[in-house]
Amino acid sequence: MDFILIAPHDISEKHLYEIEAMYGDQCIRLSELGHYTNEKVILIDCIGLLHQVYQLGSIALIGGGFTGNLHNILEPAAYGIPVLFGPKHSKFPEAQLFLTKGIGQTFSNEHELLDNLIIMIRKNALIRGKIEDFMKAQSGATERIIANLLNTPVHSDAPSN
């Protein structure tokens, strides 16, 4: 089953209606999924579920990349989902790392979005493998911090209880 999940930042009734109007009868709200009739667009109309919804995806288009307020790209990556985002991501070092590692792509216009989307569809399994390798390489920070703290000498001028 192929469908698009849209999780808008603004879930006001007015904004949800505007999104529904763009997709017509091909759109259904998540809260109405009990009446699903094979719509191609599922509109997330509540907050707090996005991290769970990523499990269903194969590619994530992350918002905020055109305003300089990029949303979380690590969340979908935790589920092995390649990410696409806009060009204003300089304040987010993980975005540059994703680009360097080939597990994320940026776009500035519709043409670049479509080109990168096609690449991600064609190379989805390869990119997912890279994401898994990347996440494994990044894991274990807590253990490294604790080991470092345990191997750091305590100074005699440190306050004591």
N, C-alpha and C. Protein backbone atom coordinates (compact mmCIF):
# COMPACT_ATOMS: atom_id res chain seq x y z
N MET A 1 0.85 -1.18 0.00
CA MET A 1 0.00 0.00 0.00
C MET A 1 0.89 1.24 0.00
N ASP A 2 0.76 2.07 -0.99
CA ASP A 2 1.53 3.31 -1.07
C ASP A 2 0.62 4.49 -0.76
N PHE A 3 1.08 5.33 0.13
CA PHE A 3 0.34 6.54 0.47
C PHE A 3 1.32 7.58 0.97
N ILE A 4 0.86 8.79 1.04
CA ILE A 4 1.65 9.90 1.55
C ILE A 4 1.06 10.29 2.90
N LEU A 5 1.94 10.43 3.88
CA LEU A 5 1.53 10.93 5.19
C LEU A 5 1.96 12.39 5.28
N ILE A 6 1.04 13.25 5.63
CA ILE A 6 1.36 14.67 5.81
C ILE A 6 1.13 15.00 7.28
N ALA A 7 2.18 15.50 7.91
CA ALA A 7 2.11 15.89 9.32
C ALA A 7 2.39 17.39 9.41
N PRO A 8 1.36 18.20 9.25
CA PRO A 8 1.58 19.65 9.27
C PRO A 8 1.91 20.15 10.68
N HIS A 9 2.72 21.20 10.72
CA HIS A 9 3.07 21.84 11.99
C HIS A 9 1.83 22.50 12.60
N ASP A 10 1.02 23.09 11.75
CA ASP A 10 -0.21 23.77 12.17
C ASP A 10 -1.39 22.81 11.95
N ILE A 11 -2.01 22.36 13.04
CA ILE A 11 -3.14 21.44 12.90
C ILE A 11 -4.47 22.11 13.22
N SER A 12 -4.51 23.41 12.98
CA SER A 12 -5.79 24.11 13.15
C SER A 12 -6.77 23.61 12.09
N GLU A 13 -8.05 23.70 12.40
CA GLU A 13 -9.07 23.23 11.47
C GLU A 13 -8.95 23.93 10.11
N LYS A 14 -8.67 25.22 10.12
CA LYS A 14 -8.55 25.99 8.88
C LYS A 14 -7.42 25.44 8.02
N HIS A 15 -6.27 25.19 8.63
CA HIS A 15 -5.12 24.70 7.86
C HIS A 15 -5.35 23.27 7.37
N LEU A 16 -5.92 22.42 8.19
CA LEU A 16 -6.22 21.05 7.76
C LEU A 16 -7.19 21.07 6.58
N TYR A 17 -8.17 21.94 6.64
CA TYR A 17 -9.14 22.05 5.54
C TYR A 17 -8.43 22.49 4.25
N GLU A 18 -7.49 23.43 4.36
CA GLU A 18 -6.75 23.89 3.18
C GLU A 18 -5.97 22.74 2.54
N ILE A 19 -5.35 21.90 3.37
CA ILE A 19 -4.60 20.76 2.85
C ILE A 19 -5.56 19.77 2.19
N GLU A 20 -6.67 19.49 2.86
CA GLU A 20 -7.67 18.57 2.29
C GLU A 20 -8.18 19.07 0.94
N ALA A 21 -8.36 20.37 0.82
CA ALA A 21 -8.86 20.95 -0.42
C ALA A 21 -7.89 20.71 -1.58
N MET A 22 -6.59 20.67 -1.28
CA MET A 22 -5.60 20.42 -2.34
C MET A 22 -5.68 19.00 -2.88
N TYR A 23 -6.05 18.04 -2.04
CA TYR A 23 -6.04 16.64 -2.44
C TYR A 23 -7.43 16.05 -2.69
N GLY A 24 -8.47 16.79 -2.38
CA GLY A 24 -9.83 16.34 -2.65
C GLY A 24 -10.17 15.02 -1.99
N ASP A 25 -10.83 14.14 -2.73
CA ASP A 25 -11.28 12.88 -2.15
C ASP A 25 -10.15 11.85 -2.00
N GLN A 26 -8.93 12.24 -2.33
CA GLN A 26 -7.78 11.35 -2.14
C GLN A 26 -7.14 11.54 -0.77
N CYS A 27 -7.76 12.37 0.09
CA CYS A 27 -7.19 12.69 1.40
C CYS A 27 -8.14 12.26 2.50
N ILE A 28 -7.56 11.70 3.57
CA ILE A 28 -8.35 11.35 4.75
C ILE A 28 -7.53 11.71 5.98
N ARG A 29 -8.20 12.16 7.00
CA ARG A 29 -7.53 12.49 8.25
C ARG A 29 -7.24 11.21 9.04
N LEU A 30 -6.18 11.23 9.78
CA LEU A 30 -5.82 10.09 10.61
C LEU A 30 -6.95 9.73 11.58
N SER A 31 -7.60 10.75 12.12
CA SER A 31 -8.68 10.51 13.07
C SER A 31 -9.90 9.86 12.43
N GLU A 32 -9.95 9.84 11.09
CA GLU A 32 -11.07 9.23 10.37
C GLU A 32 -10.65 7.93 9.67
N LEU A 33 -9.51 7.39 10.04
CA LEU A 33 -8.96 6.23 9.34
C LEU A 33 -9.87 5.00 9.42
N GLY A 34 -10.78 4.99 10.37
CA GLY A 34 -11.75 3.90 10.43
C GLY A 34 -12.66 3.86 9.21
N HIS A 35 -12.70 4.96 8.45
CA HIS A 35 -13.52 5.05 7.24
C HIS A 35 -12.64 5.05 5.99
N TYR A 36 -11.44 4.49 6.10
CA TYR A 36 -10.46 4.49 5.00
C TYR A 36 -11.01 3.75 3.78
N THR A 37 -10.91 4.40 2.62
CA THR A 37 -11.36 3.78 1.37
C THR A 37 -10.26 3.90 0.31
N ASN A 38 -9.02 3.63 0.71
CA ASN A 38 -7.88 3.61 -0.18
C ASN A 38 -7.43 5.01 -0.62
N GLU A 39 -7.63 6.01 0.22
CA GLU A 39 -7.11 7.35 -0.08
C GLU A 39 -5.59 7.28 -0.15
N LYS A 40 -5.01 8.15 -0.94
CA LYS A 40 -3.55 8.16 -1.13
C LYS A 40 -2.83 9.12 -0.20
N VAL A 41 -3.57 10.00 0.46
CA VAL A 41 -2.97 10.97 1.37
C VAL A 41 -3.63 10.83 2.73
N ILE A 42 -2.80 10.59 3.75
CA ILE A 42 -3.30 10.52 5.13
C ILE A 42 -2.77 11.74 5.85
N LEU A 43 -3.68 12.54 6.36
CA LEU A 43 -3.36 13.81 7.01
C LEU A 43 -3.34 13.61 8.52
N ILE A 44 -2.17 13.78 9.12
CA ILE A 44 -2.03 13.63 10.57
C ILE A 44 -2.65 14.88 11.21
N ASP A 45 -3.74 14.67 11.93
CA ASP A 45 -4.50 15.81 12.48
C ASP A 45 -4.41 15.91 14.00
N CYS A 46 -3.35 15.38 14.57
CA CYS A 46 -3.12 15.49 16.02
C CYS A 46 -1.61 15.57 16.25
N ILE A 47 -1.23 15.92 17.45
CA ILE A 47 0.20 16.03 17.76
C ILE A 47 0.65 14.84 18.59
N GLY A 48 1.94 14.60 18.60
CA GLY A 48 2.52 13.57 19.45
C GLY A 48 2.68 12.20 18.81
N LEU A 49 2.32 12.05 17.55
CA LEU A 49 2.40 10.74 16.91
C LEU A 49 3.50 10.62 15.86
N LEU A 50 4.11 11.72 15.51
CA LEU A 50 5.03 11.71 14.38
C LEU A 50 6.14 10.68 14.55
N HIS A 51 6.72 10.59 15.74
CA HIS A 51 7.81 9.64 15.93
C HIS A 51 7.36 8.20 15.68
N GLN A 52 6.09 7.90 15.91
CA GLN A 52 5.57 6.56 15.63
C GLN A 52 5.23 6.39 14.15
N VAL A 53 4.76 7.44 13.53
CA VAL A 53 4.36 7.40 12.14
C VAL A 53 5.56 7.16 11.22
N TYR A 54 6.75 7.61 11.63
CA TYR A 54 7.93 7.41 10.80
C TYR A 54 8.17 5.94 10.50
N GLN A 55 7.74 5.05 11.36
CA GLN A 55 7.92 3.61 11.14
C GLN A 55 7.25 3.14 9.84
N LEU A 56 6.25 3.87 9.40
CA LEU A 56 5.50 3.50 8.20
C LEU A 56 6.13 4.03 6.91
N GLY A 57 7.08 4.94 7.05
CA GLY A 57 7.58 5.65 5.88
C GLY A 57 8.73 4.99 5.17
N SER A 58 9.00 5.51 3.98
CA SER A 58 10.18 5.09 3.24
C SER A 58 11.07 6.29 2.91
N ILE A 59 10.51 7.50 2.90
CA ILE A 59 11.25 8.74 2.70
C ILE A 59 10.52 9.83 3.47
N ALA A 60 11.28 10.72 4.11
CA ALA A 60 10.66 11.82 4.87
C ALA A 60 11.08 13.17 4.29
N LEU A 61 10.10 14.01 4.03
CA LEU A 61 10.35 15.39 3.62
C LEU A 61 10.16 16.23 4.87
N ILE A 62 11.25 16.79 5.38
CA ILE A 62 11.26 17.49 6.65
C ILE A 62 11.09 18.99 6.43
N GLY A 63 10.21 19.58 7.19
CA GLY A 63 9.92 21.00 7.07
C GLY A 63 10.94 21.89 7.77
N GLY A 64 10.79 23.18 7.55
CA GLY A 64 11.62 24.19 8.20
C GLY A 64 12.90 24.53 7.46
N GLY A 65 13.21 23.82 6.40
CA GLY A 65 14.45 24.05 5.68
C GLY A 65 14.44 25.23 4.73
N PHE A 66 13.32 25.92 4.65
CA PHE A 66 13.27 27.15 3.84
C PHE A 66 13.20 28.39 4.73
N THR A 67 13.10 28.18 6.04
CA THR A 67 13.04 29.30 6.99
C THR A 67 14.26 29.36 7.88
N GLY A 68 15.10 28.33 7.85
CA GLY A 68 16.25 28.27 8.74
C GLY A 68 15.91 27.62 10.07
N ASN A 69 14.70 27.08 10.19
CA ASN A 69 14.26 26.41 11.41
C ASN A 69 13.96 24.94 11.11
N LEU A 70 14.97 24.23 10.62
CA LEU A 70 14.82 22.85 10.21
C LEU A 70 14.27 22.01 11.36
N HIS A 71 13.28 21.20 11.05
CA HIS A 71 12.71 20.31 12.04
C HIS A 71 13.64 19.11 12.23
N ASN A 72 13.30 18.22 13.11
CA ASN A 72 14.16 17.11 13.50
C ASN A 72 14.37 16.10 12.36
N ILE A 73 15.61 15.97 11.90
CA ILE A 73 15.92 14.98 10.87
C ILE A 73 16.44 13.69 11.48
N LEU A 74 16.78 13.70 12.75
CA LEU A 74 17.29 12.50 13.40
C LEU A 74 16.18 11.50 13.68
N GLU A 75 14.98 11.99 13.96
CA GLU A 75 13.86 11.08 14.26
C GLU A 75 13.58 10.09 13.13
N PRO A 76 13.38 10.55 11.91
CA PRO A 76 13.14 9.57 10.84
C PRO A 76 14.36 8.68 10.60
N ALA A 77 15.56 9.24 10.74
CA ALA A 77 16.77 8.45 10.52
C ALA A 77 16.86 7.30 11.53
N ALA A 78 16.34 7.51 12.73
CA ALA A 78 16.34 6.45 13.74
C ALA A 78 15.55 5.24 13.25
N TYR A 79 14.63 5.45 12.33
CA TYR A 79 13.85 4.36 11.73
C TYR A 79 14.39 3.96 10.36
N GLY A 80 15.56 4.47 9.99
CA GLY A 80 16.16 4.12 8.71
C GLY A 80 15.56 4.85 7.52
N ILE A 81 14.90 5.97 7.78
CA ILE A 81 14.21 6.70 6.73
C ILE A 81 15.12 7.81 6.17
N PRO A 82 15.42 7.78 4.86
CA PRO A 82 16.16 8.88 4.25
C PRO A 82 15.36 10.18 4.32
N VAL A 83 16.07 11.31 4.39
CA VAL A 83 15.39 12.59 4.56
C VAL A 83 15.74 13.58 3.45
N LEU A 84 14.75 14.40 3.12
CA LEU A 84 14.89 15.53 2.21
C LEU A 84 14.56 16.78 3.00
N PHE A 85 15.30 17.86 2.75
CA PHE A 85 15.03 19.11 3.47
C PHE A 85 15.50 20.30 2.64
N GLY A 86 15.02 21.45 3.00
CA GLY A 86 15.33 22.67 2.27
C GLY A 86 16.75 23.16 2.48
N PRO A 87 17.13 24.25 1.78
CA PRO A 87 18.52 24.70 1.73
C PRO A 87 19.02 25.47 2.95
N LYS A 88 18.14 25.94 3.81
CA LYS A 88 18.57 26.75 4.96
C LYS A 88 18.73 25.85 6.18
N HIS A 89 19.90 25.21 6.25
CA HIS A 89 20.15 24.24 7.32
C HIS A 89 21.50 24.46 7.98
N SER A 90 22.13 25.61 7.77
CA SER A 90 23.49 25.84 8.26
C SER A 90 23.60 25.80 9.79
N LYS A 91 22.50 26.08 10.50
CA LYS A 91 22.52 26.04 11.98
C LYS A 91 22.41 24.62 12.52
N PHE A 92 22.33 23.63 11.64
CA PHE A 92 22.08 22.25 12.05
C PHE A 92 23.21 21.35 11.53
N PRO A 93 24.21 21.10 12.36
CA PRO A 93 25.37 20.32 11.91
C PRO A 93 25.01 18.91 11.45
N GLU A 94 23.94 18.34 12.01
CA GLU A 94 23.54 17.00 11.59
C GLU A 94 23.08 16.99 10.14
N ALA A 95 22.52 18.11 9.66
CA ALA A 95 22.08 18.19 8.27
C ALA A 95 23.28 18.08 7.33
N GLN A 96 24.35 18.80 7.62
CA GLN A 96 25.55 18.72 6.79
C GLN A 96 26.13 17.31 6.85
N LEU A 97 26.11 16.70 8.01
CA LEU A 97 26.61 15.34 8.17
C LEU A 97 25.78 14.36 7.33
N PHE A 98 24.46 14.54 7.32
CA PHE A 98 23.59 13.68 6.51
C PHE A 98 23.91 13.84 5.02
N LEU A 99 24.16 15.07 4.59
CA LEU A 99 24.50 15.30 3.19
C LEU A 99 25.84 14.65 2.84
N THR A 100 26.82 14.82 3.71
CA THR A 100 28.14 14.24 3.49
C THR A 100 28.09 12.72 3.44
N LYS A 101 27.29 12.12 4.30
CA LYS A 101 27.18 10.66 4.38
C LYS A 101 26.26 10.08 3.29
N GLY A 102 25.54 10.94 2.57
CA GLY A 102 24.64 10.47 1.53
C GLY A 102 23.36 9.87 2.05
N ILE A 103 22.95 10.27 3.26
CA ILE A 103 21.71 9.74 3.83
C ILE A 103 20.62 10.80 3.89
N GLY A 104 20.91 11.95 3.35
CA GLY A 104 19.95 13.04 3.25
C GLY A 104 20.26 13.87 2.03
N GLN A 105 19.25 14.56 1.54
CA GLN A 105 19.42 15.42 0.37
C GLN A 105 18.70 16.73 0.63
N THR A 106 19.23 17.78 0.05
CA THR A 106 18.60 19.09 0.15
C THR A 106 18.05 19.47 -1.22
N PHE A 107 17.10 20.38 -1.21
CA PHE A 107 16.53 20.86 -2.47
C PHE A 107 16.15 22.32 -2.30
N SER A 108 16.19 23.05 -3.41
CA SER A 108 15.86 24.48 -3.39
C SER A 108 14.63 24.80 -4.22
N ASN A 109 14.19 23.84 -5.04
CA ASN A 109 13.04 24.09 -5.90
C ASN A 109 12.36 22.76 -6.23
N GLU A 110 11.24 22.84 -6.94
CA GLU A 110 10.47 21.63 -7.28
C GLU A 110 11.29 20.64 -8.11
N HIS A 111 12.08 21.15 -9.04
CA HIS A 111 12.87 20.28 -9.91
C HIS A 111 13.87 19.47 -9.08
N GLU A 112 14.59 20.13 -8.19
CA GLU A 112 15.56 19.44 -7.34
C GLU A 112 14.86 18.45 -6.40
N LEU A 113 13.69 18.83 -5.89
CA LEU A 113 12.94 17.92 -5.03
C LEU A 113 12.60 16.64 -5.79
N LEU A 114 12.06 16.78 -6.98
CA LEU A 114 11.69 15.59 -7.77
C LEU A 114 12.90 14.75 -8.14
N ASP A 115 13.99 15.40 -8.54
CA ASP A 115 15.21 14.66 -8.88
C ASP A 115 15.72 13.85 -7.69
N ASN A 116 15.79 14.51 -6.53
CA ASN A 116 16.30 13.84 -5.33
C ASN A 116 15.33 12.78 -4.83
N LEU A 117 14.06 13.01 -4.99
CA LEU A 117 13.06 12.02 -4.59
C LEU A 117 13.20 10.75 -5.45
N ILE A 118 13.39 10.93 -6.74
CA ILE A 118 13.58 9.78 -7.64
C ILE A 118 14.83 8.99 -7.25
N ILE A 119 15.91 9.71 -6.96
CA ILE A 119 17.14 9.05 -6.53
C ILE A 119 16.90 8.25 -5.25
N MET A 120 16.20 8.85 -4.30
CA MET A 120 15.95 8.17 -3.03
C MET A 120 15.03 6.96 -3.19
N ILE A 121 14.12 7.03 -4.11
CA ILE A 121 13.25 5.88 -4.37
C ILE A 121 14.06 4.75 -4.99
N ARG A 122 14.87 5.09 -5.97
CA ARG A 122 15.67 4.07 -6.68
C ARG A 122 16.73 3.45 -5.78
N LYS A 123 17.31 4.25 -4.91
CA LYS A 123 18.42 3.78 -4.06
C LYS A 123 18.00 3.61 -2.61
N ASN A 124 16.71 3.39 -2.36
CA ASN A 124 16.20 3.36 -1.00
C ASN A 124 16.90 2.32 -0.12
N ALA A 125 17.06 1.11 -0.62
CA ALA A 125 17.70 0.05 0.18
C ALA A 125 19.15 0.40 0.50
N LEU A 126 19.88 0.94 -0.46
CA LEU A 126 21.26 1.34 -0.25
C LEU A 126 21.36 2.45 0.80
N ILE A 127 20.50 3.46 0.66
CA ILE A 127 20.53 4.59 1.60
C ILE A 127 20.14 4.12 3.00
N ARG A 128 19.15 3.24 3.10
CA ARG A 128 18.75 2.70 4.40
C ARG A 128 19.92 1.96 5.06
N GLY A 129 20.69 1.24 4.27
CA GLY A 129 21.88 0.56 4.80
C GLY A 129 22.90 1.56 5.33
N LYS A 130 23.10 2.65 4.59
CA LYS A 130 24.02 3.70 5.05
C LYS A 130 23.53 4.34 6.35
N ILE A 131 22.21 4.54 6.44
CA ILE A 131 21.64 5.12 7.66
C ILE A 131 21.87 4.19 8.84
N GLU A 132 21.64 2.91 8.63
CA GLU A 132 21.84 1.94 9.72
C GLU A 132 23.30 1.95 10.18
N ASP A 133 24.23 1.96 9.24
CA ASP A 133 25.65 2.02 9.58
C ASP A 133 25.97 3.31 10.33
N PHE A 134 25.42 4.42 9.86
CA PHE A 134 25.65 5.71 10.51
C PHE A 134 25.12 5.71 11.94
N MET A 135 23.91 5.21 12.14
CA MET A 135 23.31 5.20 13.48
C MET A 135 24.11 4.30 14.42
N LYS A 136 24.56 3.17 13.93
CA LYS A 136 25.38 2.27 14.76
C LYS A 136 26.69 2.97 15.16
N ALA A 137 27.29 3.67 14.22
CA ALA A 137 28.55 4.37 14.51
C ALA A 137 28.36 5.49 15.53
N GLN A 138 27.17 6.07 15.56
CA GLN A 138 26.90 7.17 16.49
C GLN A 138 26.44 6.70 17.86
N SER A 139 26.10 5.43 17.98
CA SER A 139 25.56 4.94 19.26
C SER A 139 26.68 4.74 20.27
N GLY A 140 26.31 4.64 21.52
CA GLY A 140 27.28 4.38 22.59
C GLY A 140 27.83 5.61 23.26
N ALA A 141 27.25 6.77 23.04
CA ALA A 141 27.76 8.01 23.62
C ALA A 141 27.73 7.97 25.15
N THR A 142 26.68 7.43 25.72
CA THR A 142 26.57 7.38 27.18
C THR A 142 27.72 6.57 27.77
N GLU A 143 28.01 5.42 27.18
CA GLU A 143 29.09 4.58 27.68
C GLU A 143 30.44 5.30 27.57
N ARG A 144 30.66 6.00 26.47
CA ARG A 144 31.93 6.72 26.30
C ARG A 144 32.06 7.85 27.31
N ILE A 145 30.97 8.56 27.57
CA ILE A 145 31.01 9.66 28.55
C ILE A 145 31.30 9.11 29.94
N ILE A 146 30.62 8.04 30.33
CA ILE A 146 30.83 7.46 31.65
C ILE A 146 32.26 6.96 31.80
N ALA A 147 32.76 6.28 30.76
CA ALA A 147 34.15 5.79 30.81
C ALA A 147 35.12 6.95 30.96
N ASN A 148 34.86 8.03 30.24
CA ASN A 148 35.72 9.20 30.33
C ASN A 148 35.67 9.81 31.73
N LEU A 149 34.48 9.90 32.30
CA LEU A 149 34.34 10.46 33.65
C LEU A 149 35.03 9.58 34.69
N LEU A 150 34.92 8.28 34.54
CA LEU A 150 35.54 7.37 35.49
C LEU A 150 37.06 7.39 35.40
N ASN A 151 37.59 7.76 34.25
CA ASN A 151 39.04 7.83 34.06
C ASN A 151 39.62 9.22 34.27
N THR A 152 38.78 10.17 34.67
CA THR A 152 39.23 11.53 34.91
C THR A 152 39.59 11.68 36.39
N PRO A 153 40.82 12.06 36.68
CA PRO A 153 41.22 12.20 38.09
C PRO A 153 40.43 13.29 38.78
N VAL A 154 40.13 13.07 40.02
CA VAL A 154 39.43 14.07 40.84
C VAL A 154 40.48 15.02 41.39
N HIS A 155 40.23 16.31 41.27
CA HIS A 155 41.16 17.32 41.74
C HIS A 155 40.99 17.54 43.24
N SER A 156 42.09 17.80 43.92
CA SER A 156 42.02 17.98 45.37
C SER A 156 41.30 19.27 45.76
N ASP A 157 41.22 20.22 44.83
CA ASP A 157 40.53 21.47 45.16
C ASP A 157 39.04 21.40 44.82
N ALA A 158 38.58 20.21 44.43
CA ALA A 158 37.15 20.05 44.13
C ALA A 158 36.36 20.08 45.42
N PRO A 159 35.20 20.68 45.41
CA PRO A 159 34.37 20.73 46.63
C PRO A 159 34.00 19.33 47.08
N SER A 160 33.93 19.12 48.36
CA SER A 160 33.53 17.83 48.89
C SER A 160 32.29 18.01 49.75
N ASN A 161 31.60 16.94 49.97
CA ASN A 161 30.36 16.99 50.79
C ASN A 161 30.66 16.93 52.23
